[in-house]
C-alpha atoms as a PDB file:
ATOM      1  CA  MET A   1       0.000   0.000   0.000  1.00  0.00           C
ATOM      2  CA  LYS A   2       1.305   3.418  -0.968  1.00  0.00           C
ATOM      3  CA  ASN A   3       2.182   5.763   1.877  1.00  0.00           C
ATOM      4  CA  GLY A   4       0.921   9.300   1.391  1.00  0.00           C
ATOM      5  CA  ARG A   5       2.804  12.506   1.930  1.00  0.00           C
ATOM      6  CA  PHE A   6       0.743  13.358   4.978  1.00  0.00           C
ATOM      7  CA  SER A   7       0.449  11.431   8.228  1.00  0.00           C
ATOM      8  CA  ASP A   8      -2.923  10.748   9.776  1.00  0.00           C
ATOM      9  CA  ALA A   9      -2.267  13.449  12.361  1.00  0.00           C
ATOM     10  CA  GLN A  10      -1.587  15.960   9.583  1.00  0.00           C
ATOM     11  CA  ASN A  11      -4.750  14.850   7.787  1.00  0.00           C
ATOM     12  CA  MET A  12      -6.738  15.458  10.963  1.00  0.00           C
ATOM     13  CA  GLY A  13      -5.183  18.910  11.338  1.00  0.00           C
ATOM     14  CA  ILE A  14      -6.121  19.855   7.794  1.00  0.00           C
ATOM     15  CA  LEU A  15      -9.672  18.582   8.321  1.00  0.00           C
ATOM     16  CA  LYS A  16      -9.963  20.604  11.546  1.00  0.00           C
ATOM     17  CA  GLN A  17      -8.836  23.730   9.677  1.00  0.00           C
ATOM     18  CA  ALA A  18     -11.581  23.120   7.131  1.00  0.00           C
ATOM     19  CA  GLU A  19     -14.114  22.793   9.956  1.00  0.00           C
ATOM     20  CA  GLY A  20     -12.847  26.156  11.222  1.00  0.00           C
ATOM     21  CA  SER A  21     -14.230  27.840   8.078  1.00  0.00           C
ATOM     22  CA  VAL A  22     -11.022  27.852   6.000  1.00  0.00           C
ATOM     23  CA  PRO A  23     -12.021  27.263   2.360  1.00  0.00           C
ATOM     24  CA  VAL A  24     -11.085  23.865   0.951  1.00  0.00           C
ATOM     25  CA  SER A  25      -9.537  25.382  -2.173  1.00  0.00           C
ATOM     26  CA  GLU A  26      -7.225  27.512  -0.007  1.00  0.00           C
ATOM     27  CA  LEU A  27      -6.175  24.495   2.087  1.00  0.00           C
ATOM     28  CA  CYS A  28      -5.477  22.456  -1.031  1.00  0.00           C
ATOM     29  CA  ARG A  29      -3.345  25.229  -2.483  1.00  0.00           C
ATOM     30  CA  GLU A  30      -1.480  25.758   0.809  1.00  0.00           C
ATOM     31  CA  TYR A  31      -0.632  22.073   1.305  1.00  0.00           C
ATOM     32  CA  GLY A  32      -0.172  21.215  -2.375  1.00  0.00           C
ATOM     33  CA  MET A  33      -2.844  18.545  -2.567  1.00  0.00           C
ATOM     34  CA  SER A  34      -5.893  17.905  -4.692  1.00  0.00           C
ATOM     35  CA  SER A  35      -9.429  18.557  -3.554  1.00  0.00           C
ATOM     36  CA  ALA A  36     -10.179  14.878  -4.275  1.00  0.00           C
ATOM     37  CA  SER A  37      -7.630  13.908  -1.616  1.00  0.00           C
ATOM     38  CA  PHE A  38      -9.253  16.247   0.870  1.00  0.00           C
ATOM     39  CA  TYR A  39     -12.720  14.843   0.282  1.00  0.00           C
ATOM     40  CA  LYS A  40     -11.391  11.264   0.462  1.00  0.00           C
ATOM     41  CA  TRP A  41      -9.834  12.056   3.860  1.00  0.00           C
ATOM     42  CA  ARG A  42     -13.059  13.667   5.026  1.00  0.00           C
ATOM     43  CA  ALA A  43     -15.009  10.565   4.041  1.00  0.00           C
ATOM     44  CA  LYS A  44     -12.504   8.320   5.817  1.00  0.00           C
ATOM     45  CA  PHE A  45     -11.642  10.363   8.912  1.00  0.00           C
ATOM     46  CA  GLY A  46     -14.558  12.774   9.254  1.00  0.00           C
ATOM     47  CA  GLY A  47     -15.778  13.006  12.842  1.00  0.00           C
ATOM     48  CA  MET A  48     -12.881  10.965  14.242  1.00  0.00           C
ATOM     49  CA  ASP A  49     -10.271  11.988  16.738  1.00  0.00           C
ATOM     50  CA  ALA A  50      -6.704  10.703  17.095  1.00  0.00           C
ATOM     51  CA  SER A  51      -7.638   7.870  19.467  1.00  0.00           C
ATOM     52  CA  LEU A  52     -10.234   6.505  17.045  1.00  0.00           C
ATOM     53  CA  ILE A  53      -7.716   6.561  14.209  1.00  0.00           C
ATOM     54  CA  ALA A  54      -5.199   4.651  16.339  1.00  0.00           C
ATOM     55  CA  GLU A  55      -7.895   2.123  17.244  1.00  0.00           C
ATOM     56  CA  MET A  56      -8.856   1.760  13.572  1.00  0.00           C
ATOM     57  CA  LYS A  57      -5.221   1.047  12.635  1.00  0.00           C
ATOM     58  CA  ASP A  58      -4.918  -1.480  15.460  1.00  0.00           C
ATOM     59  CA  LEU A  59      -8.049  -3.294  14.298  1.00  0.00           C
ATOM     60  CA  ALA A  60      -6.765  -3.345  10.714  1.00  0.00           C
ATOM     61  CA  GLU A  61      -3.501  -4.915  11.925  1.00  0.00           C
ATOM     62  CA  GLN A  62      -5.384  -7.540  13.955  1.00  0.00           C
ATOM     63  CA  ASP A  63      -7.576  -8.286  10.944  1.00  0.00           C
ATOM     64  CA  ARG A  64      -4.486  -8.773   8.763  1.00  0.00           C
ATOM     65  CA  ARG A  65      -2.966 -11.205  11.271  1.00  0.00           C
ATOM     66  CA  VAL A  66      -6.218 -13.195  11.608  1.00  0.00           C
ATOM     67  CA  LYS A  67      -6.568 -13.481   7.835  1.00  0.00           C
ATOM     68  CA  LYS A  68      -2.973 -14.704   7.537  1.00  0.00           C
ATOM     69  CA  MET A  69      -3.508 -17.226  10.328  1.00  0.00           C
ATOM     70  CA  HIS A  70      -6.722 -18.471   8.680  1.00  0.00           C
ATOM     71  CA  ALA A  71      -4.965 -18.902   5.338  1.00  0.00           C
ATOM     72  CA  GLU A  72      -2.138 -20.896   6.952  1.00  0.00           C
ATOM     73  CA  MET A  73      -4.557 -23.128   8.889  1.00  0.00           C
ATOM     74  CA  SER A  74      -6.660 -23.702   5.790  1.00  0.00           C
ATOM     75  CA  MET A  75      -3.582 -24.723   3.826  1.00  0.00           C
ATOM     76  CA  GLN A  76      -2.489 -27.108   6.601  1.00  0.00           C
ATOM     77  CA  ASN A  77      -5.979 -28.592   6.707  1.00  0.00           C
ATOM     78  CA  ASP A  78      -5.967 -29.156   2.943  1.00  0.00           C
ATOM     79  CA  LEU A  79      -2.535 -30.802   3.129  1.00  0.00           C
ATOM     80  CA  LEU A  80      -3.656 -33.135   5.929  1.00  0.00           C
ATOM     81  CA  LYS A  81      -6.791 -34.121   4.019  1.00  0.00           C
ATOM     82  CA  GLU A  82      -4.706 -34.802   0.929  1.00  0.00           C
ATOM     83  CA  ALA A  83      -2.172 -36.890   2.891  1.00  0.00           C
ATOM     84  CA  LEU A  84      -4.901 -38.949   4.584  1.00  0.00           C
ATOM     85  CA  GLY A  85      -6.641 -39.498   1.271  1.00  0.00           C
ATOM     86  CA  LYS A  86      -3.501 -40.899  -0.380  1.00  0.00           C
ATOM     87  CA  LYS A  87      -2.780 -43.417   2.408  1.00  0.00           C
ATOM     88  CA  ARG A  88      -6.005 -45.304   1.896  1.00  0.00           C
END
C-alpha cells in the first residue's frame, strides 16, 4: 500500500482547519494537494479523533494477522486431508 505525503495526524489537522471555516480550495493550495484527496480524507476520517484513528489502525492490523492465520490453517488442513486421502 502506498504511503501518502501526509500522516494521519496531519490529515486530521487539515480537516480541523476546514471545519474552522477555512475554504477547501485555499487548504489544497497551501498544502499542495488535490481537492479529491481532501474529500477522500473527510469521508474516511470525518468526525474521528486521534484515538479513534489509532484504534482503527490497530483493528486493521489484527484483521491482517487473523486473515494470515486463517490462510495458513486452511492450507495445513488441505494438506492433511490430501495426505490422509492418499494413504487409503
